[in-house]
């Protein structure tokens, strides 16, 4: 079991504390300053990102598929990107697919706790005939 208190993504951001009490311009500045940190964070792990891309390309060349799996907003963004791949890159909709915890209903309405259902994730992947080639 993962201790969520140890994950940065589950903690409050010190720099956005009381953001709701700020004027609009200050809110925009705070968000912009936090957004600037993303590029630096990505830069620090570029070798790992490149390795992941190379692995994905290798799998795709061998007939595998790319699956985005996520919960909440990350799941919705995976579905959005997967839906955009066929018209943008002229690929089959089966090549890149998005799966969201909680199923189709979760695209439009939060399904609280769905991200913690390991069995459901396994069932979703089995339904797609997920394999080591993917």
C-alpha atoms as a PDB file:
ATOM      1  CA  UNK A   1       0.000   0.000   0.000  1.00  0.00           C
ATOM      2  CA  UNK A   2       1.308   3.436  -0.927  1.00  0.00           C
ATOM      3  CA  UNK A   3       1.512   6.019   1.837  1.00  0.00           C
ATOM      4  CA  UNK A   4      -0.180   8.959   0.093  1.00  0.00           C
ATOM      5  CA  UNK A   5       1.199  11.403   2.644  1.00  0.00           C
ATOM      6  CA  UNK A   6       4.685  10.754   1.228  1.00  0.00           C
ATOM      7  CA  UNK A   7       3.710  11.687  -2.346  1.00  0.00           C
ATOM      8  CA  UNK A   8       4.281  15.310  -3.320  1.00  0.00           C
ATOM      9  CA  UNK A   9       1.213  15.145  -5.547  1.00  0.00           C
ATOM     10  CA  UNK A  10      -0.986  14.506  -2.521  1.00  0.00           C
ATOM     11  CA  UNK A  11       0.339  17.353  -0.379  1.00  0.00           C
ATOM     12  CA  UNK A  12      -0.735  20.969  -0.269  1.00  0.00           C
ATOM     13  CA  UNK A  13       1.467  23.330  -2.243  1.00  0.00           C
ATOM     14  CA  UNK A  14       3.003  25.839   0.145  1.00  0.00           C
ATOM     15  CA  UNK A  15       3.112  28.499  -2.580  1.00  0.00           C
ATOM     16  CA  UNK A  16      -0.611  28.289  -3.295  1.00  0.00           C
ATOM     17  CA  UNK A  17      -1.830  28.346   0.282  1.00  0.00           C
ATOM     18  CA  UNK A  18      -4.689  30.825   0.666  1.00  0.00           C
ATOM     19  CA  UNK A  19      -4.791  31.437  -3.091  1.00  0.00           C
ATOM     20  CA  UNK A  20      -8.542  31.865  -2.747  1.00  0.00           C
ATOM     21  CA  UNK A  21      -8.021  35.012  -0.691  1.00  0.00           C
ATOM     22  CA  UNK A  22      -5.889  36.763  -3.324  1.00  0.00           C
ATOM     23  CA  UNK A  23      -6.911  39.248  -6.012  1.00  0.00           C
ATOM     24  CA  UNK A  24      -7.242  37.964  -9.575  1.00  0.00           C
ATOM     25  CA  UNK A  25      -3.875  39.254 -10.806  1.00  0.00           C
ATOM     26  CA  UNK A  26      -2.044  37.707  -7.844  1.00  0.00           C
ATOM     27  CA  UNK A  27      -3.816  34.393  -8.442  1.00  0.00           C
ATOM     28  CA  UNK A  28      -2.690  34.489 -12.081  1.00  0.00           C
ATOM     29  CA  UNK A  29       0.896  35.275 -11.042  1.00  0.00           C
ATOM     30  CA  UNK A  30       0.949  32.453  -8.482  1.00  0.00           C
ATOM     31  CA  UNK A  31      -0.333  29.923 -11.032  1.00  0.00           C
ATOM     32  CA  UNK A  32       2.101  31.178 -13.682  1.00  0.00           C
ATOM     33  CA  UNK A  33       5.026  30.885 -11.278  1.00  0.00           C
ATOM     34  CA  UNK A  34       4.047  27.322 -10.437  1.00  0.00           C
ATOM     35  CA  UNK A  35       3.638  26.484 -14.134  1.00  0.00           C
ATOM     36  CA  UNK A  36       7.197  27.681 -14.794  1.00  0.00           C
ATOM     37  CA  UNK A  37       8.469  24.894 -12.535  1.00  0.00           C
ATOM     38  CA  UNK A  38       7.129  22.222 -14.885  1.00  0.00           C
ATOM     39  CA  UNK A  39       9.766  22.779 -17.594  1.00  0.00           C
ATOM     40  CA  UNK A  40      12.571  22.520 -15.046  1.00  0.00           C
ATOM     41  CA  UNK A  41      11.106  19.335 -13.572  1.00  0.00           C
ATOM     42  CA  UNK A  42      10.784  17.778 -17.029  1.00  0.00           C
ATOM     43  CA  UNK A  43      14.351  18.761 -17.914  1.00  0.00           C
ATOM     44  CA  UNK A  44      15.661  16.855 -14.893  1.00  0.00           C
ATOM     45  CA  UNK A  45      14.181  13.581 -16.155  1.00  0.00           C
ATOM     46  CA  UNK A  46      14.711  13.933 -19.921  1.00  0.00           C
ATOM     47  CA  UNK A  47      16.831  10.737 -20.087  1.00  0.00           C
ATOM     48  CA  UNK A  48      13.994   8.727 -18.533  1.00  0.00           C
ATOM     49  CA  UNK A  49      11.439  10.341 -20.850  1.00  0.00           C
ATOM     50  CA  UNK A  50      13.596   9.555 -23.908  1.00  0.00           C
ATOM     51  CA  UNK A  51      14.007   5.953 -22.740  1.00  0.00           C
ATOM     52  CA  UNK A  52      10.242   5.600 -22.283  1.00  0.00           C
ATOM     53  CA  UNK A  53       9.606   6.988 -25.764  1.00  0.00           C
ATOM     54  CA  UNK A  54      12.165   4.616 -27.288  1.00  0.00           C
ATOM     55  CA  UNK A  55      10.495   1.692 -25.501  1.00  0.00           C
ATOM     56  CA  UNK A  56       7.050   2.746 -26.737  1.00  0.00           C
ATOM     57  CA  UNK A  57       8.291   3.133 -30.316  1.00  0.00           C
ATOM     58  CA  UNK A  58       9.894  -0.314 -30.162  1.00  0.00           C
ATOM     59  CA  UNK A  59       6.644  -1.866 -28.927  1.00  0.00           C
ATOM     60  CA  UNK A  60       4.584  -0.077 -31.593  1.00  0.00           C
ATOM     61  CA  UNK A  61       6.941  -1.244 -34.348  1.00  0.00           C
ATOM     62  CA  UNK A  62       6.395  -4.819 -33.134  1.00  0.00           C
ATOM     63  CA  UNK A  63       2.611  -4.480 -33.337  1.00  0.00           C
ATOM     64  CA  UNK A  64       1.956  -3.368 -29.777  1.00  0.00           C
ATOM     65  CA  UNK A  65      -0.405  -0.623 -28.671  1.00  0.00           C
ATOM     66  CA  UNK A  66      -0.080   2.380 -26.390  1.00  0.00           C
ATOM     67  CA  UNK A  67      -2.513   2.633 -23.485  1.00  0.00           C
ATOM     68  CA  UNK A  68      -3.021   5.685 -21.332  1.00  0.00           C
ATOM     69  CA  UNK A  69      -4.384   4.712 -17.924  1.00  0.00           C
ATOM     70  CA  UNK A  70      -5.417   7.313 -15.406  1.00  0.00           C
ATOM     71  CA  UNK A  71      -7.946   8.515 -12.903  1.00  0.00           C
ATOM     72  CA  UNK A  72      -9.711  11.846 -12.817  1.00  0.00           C
ATOM     73  CA  UNK A  73      -8.096  14.589 -14.856  1.00  0.00           C
ATOM     74  CA  UNK A  74      -5.111  12.464 -15.887  1.00  0.00           C
ATOM     75  CA  UNK A  75      -7.476   9.791 -17.197  1.00  0.00           C
ATOM     76  CA  UNK A  76      -9.487  12.371 -19.109  1.00  0.00           C
ATOM     77  CA  UNK A  77      -6.327  13.834 -20.653  1.00  0.00           C
ATOM     78  CA  UNK A  78      -5.188  10.359 -21.726  1.00  0.00           C
ATOM     79  CA  UNK A  79      -8.514   9.753 -23.424  1.00  0.00           C
ATOM     80  CA  UNK A  80      -8.331  13.165 -25.079  1.00  0.00           C
ATOM     81  CA  UNK A  81      -4.836  12.522 -26.437  1.00  0.00           C
ATOM     82  CA  UNK A  82      -5.774   9.027 -27.625  1.00  0.00           C
ATOM     83  CA  UNK A  83      -8.854  10.417 -29.396  1.00  0.00           C
ATOM     84  CA  UNK A  84      -6.718  13.035 -31.145  1.00  0.00           C
ATOM     85  CA  UNK A  85      -4.129  10.566 -32.502  1.00  0.00           C
ATOM     86  CA  UNK A  86      -6.193   9.039 -35.353  1.00  0.00           C
ATOM     87  CA  UNK A  87      -7.107  12.336 -37.073  1.00  0.00           C
ATOM     88  CA  UNK A  88      -3.729  13.946 -36.371  1.00  0.00           C
ATOM     89  CA  UNK A  89      -1.472  11.021 -37.323  1.00  0.00           C
ATOM     90  CA  UNK A  90      -3.780   8.943 -39.559  1.00  0.00           C
ATOM     91  CA  UNK A  91      -3.494   5.904 -37.295  1.00  0.00           C
ATOM     92  CA  UNK A  92      -6.004   3.308 -36.223  1.00  0.00           C
ATOM     93  CA  UNK A  93      -8.019   4.197 -33.102  1.00  0.00           C
ATOM     94  CA  UNK A  94      -6.845   0.853 -31.716  1.00  0.00           C
ATOM     95  CA  UNK A  95      -3.168   1.876 -31.731  1.00  0.00           C
ATOM     96  CA  UNK A  96      -3.435   4.493 -28.957  1.00  0.00           C
ATOM     97  CA  UNK A  97      -6.205   4.058 -26.383  1.00  0.00           C
ATOM     98  CA  UNK A  98      -7.241   5.755 -23.184  1.00  0.00           C
ATOM     99  CA  UNK A  99      -8.694   4.002 -20.152  1.00  0.00           C
ATOM    100  CA  UNK A 100     -10.066   5.945 -17.206  1.00  0.00           C
ATOM    101  CA  UNK A 101     -10.684   4.565 -13.728  1.00  0.00           C
ATOM    102  CA  UNK A 102     -14.424   4.385 -13.221  1.00  0.00           C
ATOM    103  CA  UNK A 103     -15.239   3.815 -16.888  1.00  0.00           C
ATOM    104  CA  UNK A 104     -16.991   6.081 -19.355  1.00  0.00           C
ATOM    105  CA  UNK A 105     -19.073   7.695 -16.619  1.00  0.00           C
ATOM    106  CA  UNK A 106     -15.865   9.040 -15.064  1.00  0.00           C
ATOM    107  CA  UNK A 107     -15.143  11.098 -18.170  1.00  0.00           C
ATOM    108  CA  UNK A 108     -18.050  13.382 -17.315  1.00  0.00           C
ATOM    109  CA  UNK A 109     -18.541  12.907 -13.576  1.00  0.00           C
ATOM    110  CA  UNK A 110     -16.003  12.109 -10.872  1.00  0.00           C
ATOM    111  CA  UNK A 111     -16.122   8.512  -9.660  1.00  0.00           C
ATOM    112  CA  UNK A 112     -14.552   8.876  -6.228  1.00  0.00           C
ATOM    113  CA  UNK A 113     -12.449   5.909  -5.147  1.00  0.00           C
ATOM    114  CA  UNK A 114     -12.281   4.399  -8.652  1.00  0.00           C
ATOM    115  CA  UNK A 115      -8.517   4.921  -8.763  1.00  0.00           C
ATOM    116  CA  UNK A 116      -8.104   2.549  -5.834  1.00  0.00           C
ATOM    117  CA  UNK A 117      -9.876  -0.389  -7.498  1.00  0.00           C
ATOM    118  CA  UNK A 118      -7.007  -2.576  -8.731  1.00  0.00           C
ATOM    119  CA  UNK A 119      -9.375  -5.335  -9.881  1.00  0.00           C
ATOM    120  CA  UNK A 120     -11.258  -2.907 -12.107  1.00  0.00           C
ATOM    121  CA  UNK A 121      -7.989  -1.784 -13.731  1.00  0.00           C
ATOM    122  CA  UNK A 122      -7.031  -5.395 -14.371  1.00  0.00           C
ATOM    123  CA  UNK A 123     -10.474  -6.093 -15.856  1.00  0.00           C
ATOM    124  CA  UNK A 124     -10.212  -3.024 -18.121  1.00  0.00           C
ATOM    125  CA  UNK A 125      -6.863  -4.228 -19.467  1.00  0.00           C
ATOM    126  CA  UNK A 126      -8.075  -7.814 -19.900  1.00  0.00           C
ATOM    127  CA  UNK A 127     -11.029  -6.503 -21.917  1.00  0.00           C
ATOM    128  CA  UNK A 128      -8.496  -4.891 -24.274  1.00  0.00           C
ATOM    129  CA  UNK A 129      -6.469  -8.141 -24.500  1.00  0.00           C
ATOM    130  CA  UNK A 130      -3.493  -6.243 -23.041  1.00  0.00           C
ATOM    131  CA  UNK A 131      -0.220  -8.106 -23.480  1.00  0.00           C
ATOM    132  CA  UNK A 132       3.527  -7.727 -22.997  1.00  0.00           C
ATOM    133  CA  UNK A 133       3.637  -6.384 -26.570  1.00  0.00           C
ATOM    134  CA  UNK A 134       1.692  -3.289 -25.485  1.00  0.00           C
END
